[in-house]
Amino acid sequence: MTYPAFDTNGLAGAAESYSGPVTCSSCGCRLERSATGNWHHFSPMAGRDARGCKVGCADDAHDASGNSTGPSAS
């Protein structure tokens, strides 16, 4: 059986790029894009990531490469 090619037209506003999701370069967590264009940890809870693990960059903004640009970036 042959499946039709996936049509990617109309995905210009998609949350993820064609290369896949953006992940944090220091802890590996998946990031989501905010309205300001920065990337943030999914649902940070006072320094914790989506799994509840305490990570130092959970509250920081990230760039499109997953590098932290916030106050704890060094």
C-alpha atoms as a PDB file:
ATOM      1  CA  MET A   1       0.000   0.000   0.000  1.00  0.00           C
ATOM      2  CA  THR A   2       1.301   3.465  -0.858  1.00  0.00           C
ATOM      3  CA  TYR A   3       0.461   6.473   1.260  1.00  0.00           C
ATOM      4  CA  PRO A   4       0.052   9.919  -0.307  1.00  0.00           C
ATOM      5  CA  ALA A   5       2.748  12.513   0.337  1.00  0.00           C
ATOM      6  CA  PHE A   6       2.104  14.701   3.357  1.00  0.00           C
ATOM      7  CA  ASP A   7       1.072  18.167   2.265  1.00  0.00           C
ATOM      8  CA  THR A   8       3.035  20.779   4.240  1.00  0.00           C
ATOM      9  CA  ASN A   9       1.349  23.774   2.607  1.00  0.00           C
ATOM     10  CA  GLY A  10      -0.379  25.926   5.173  1.00  0.00           C
ATOM     11  CA  LEU A  11       2.011  25.004   7.973  1.00  0.00           C
ATOM     12  CA  ALA A  12       3.727  28.397   7.937  1.00  0.00           C
ATOM     13  CA  GLY A  13       2.404  29.207  11.407  1.00  0.00           C
ATOM     14  CA  ALA A  14       3.275  25.823  12.872  1.00  0.00           C
ATOM     15  CA  ALA A  15       4.810  25.751  16.343  1.00  0.00           C
ATOM     16  CA  GLU A  16       7.635  23.453  15.263  1.00  0.00           C
ATOM     17  CA  SER A  17      10.054  23.898  12.415  1.00  0.00           C
ATOM     18  CA  TYR A  18      10.564  21.317   9.694  1.00  0.00           C
ATOM     19  CA  SER A  19      13.651  20.049  11.520  1.00  0.00           C
ATOM     20  CA  GLY A  20      11.673  19.194  14.666  1.00  0.00           C
ATOM     21  CA  PRO A  21      10.957  20.714  18.072  1.00  0.00           C
ATOM     22  CA  VAL A  22      13.296  23.181  19.779  1.00  0.00           C
ATOM     23  CA  THR A  23      14.887  21.724  22.911  1.00  0.00           C
ATOM     24  CA  CYS A  24      16.912  23.318  25.692  1.00  0.00           C
ATOM     25  CA  SER A  25      20.639  22.921  25.062  1.00  0.00           C
ATOM     26  CA  SER A  26      21.463  22.534  28.757  1.00  0.00           C
ATOM     27  CA  CYS A  27      18.779  20.148  30.033  1.00  0.00           C
ATOM     28  CA  GLY A  28      17.143  18.745  26.878  1.00  0.00           C
ATOM     29  CA  CYS A  29      13.571  19.755  27.737  1.00  0.00           C
ATOM     30  CA  ARG A  30      11.204  20.660  24.940  1.00  0.00           C
ATOM     31  CA  LEU A  31      10.571  24.402  24.545  1.00  0.00           C
ATOM     32  CA  GLU A  32       7.498  26.277  23.337  1.00  0.00           C
ATOM     33  CA  ARG A  33       7.452  29.603  21.521  1.00  0.00           C
ATOM     34  CA  SER A  34       5.903  32.586  23.273  1.00  0.00           C
ATOM     35  CA  ALA A  35       4.094  35.526  21.702  1.00  0.00           C
ATOM     36  CA  THR A  36       7.274  37.621  22.053  1.00  0.00           C
ATOM     37  CA  GLY A  37       9.235  35.201  19.847  1.00  0.00           C
ATOM     38  CA  ASN A  38      11.359  33.755  22.659  1.00  0.00           C
ATOM     39  CA  TRP A  39      11.314  30.090  23.591  1.00  0.00           C
ATOM     40  CA  HIS A  40      10.409  28.931  27.117  1.00  0.00           C
ATOM     41  CA  HIS A  41      10.157  25.658  29.001  1.00  0.00           C
ATOM     42  CA  PHE A  42       6.700  24.140  28.763  1.00  0.00           C
ATOM     43  CA  SER A  43       4.680  25.246  31.788  1.00  0.00           C
ATOM     44  CA  PRO A  44       7.488  26.215  34.171  1.00  0.00           C
ATOM     45  CA  MET A  45       6.542  25.868  37.824  1.00  0.00           C
ATOM     46  CA  ALA A  46       8.892  27.963  39.990  1.00  0.00           C
ATOM     47  CA  GLY A  47      12.154  26.671  38.534  1.00  0.00           C
ATOM     48  CA  ARG A  48      10.819  23.267  37.496  1.00  0.00           C
ATOM     49  CA  ASP A  49      10.287  21.846  34.038  1.00  0.00           C
ATOM     50  CA  ALA A  50       7.187  20.047  32.732  1.00  0.00           C
ATOM     51  CA  ARG A  51       8.258  16.808  34.462  1.00  0.00           C
ATOM     52  CA  GLY A  52       8.654  18.580  37.798  1.00  0.00           C
ATOM     53  CA  CYS A  53      12.463  18.357  37.778  1.00  0.00           C
ATOM     54  CA  LYS A  54      14.324  21.356  39.202  1.00  0.00           C
ATOM     55  CA  VAL A  55      16.417  22.942  36.429  1.00  0.00           C
ATOM     56  CA  GLY A  56      18.217  26.268  36.586  1.00  0.00           C
ATOM     57  CA  CYS A  57      17.037  27.515  33.203  1.00  0.00           C
ATOM     58  CA  ALA A  58      13.300  26.726  33.556  1.00  0.00           C
ATOM     59  CA  ASP A  59      12.294  30.367  34.008  1.00  0.00           C
ATOM     60  CA  ASP A  60      14.724  31.822  31.446  1.00  0.00           C
ATOM     61  CA  ALA A  61      13.989  32.824  27.875  1.00  0.00           C
ATOM     62  CA  HIS A  62      15.778  30.768  25.209  1.00  0.00           C
ATOM     63  CA  ASP A  63      16.744  31.489  21.615  1.00  0.00           C
ATOM     64  CA  ALA A  64      15.734  29.381  18.591  1.00  0.00           C
ATOM     65  CA  SER A  65      18.815  27.177  19.126  1.00  0.00           C
ATOM     66  CA  GLY A  66      17.745  26.294  22.667  1.00  0.00           C
ATOM     67  CA  ASN A  67      20.403  28.403  24.413  1.00  0.00           C
ATOM     68  CA  SER A  68      19.300  30.211  27.564  1.00  0.00           C
ATOM     69  CA  THR A  69      19.319  34.001  27.241  1.00  0.00           C
ATOM     70  CA  GLY A  70      17.987  34.695  30.727  1.00  0.00           C
ATOM     71  CA  PRO A  71      19.622  35.805  33.967  1.00  0.00           C
ATOM     72  CA  SER A  72      21.045  32.388  34.844  1.00  0.00           C
ATOM     73  CA  ALA A  73      22.824  32.051  31.485  1.00  0.00           C
ATOM     74  CA  SER A  74      26.575  32.041  31.873  1.00  0.00           C
END
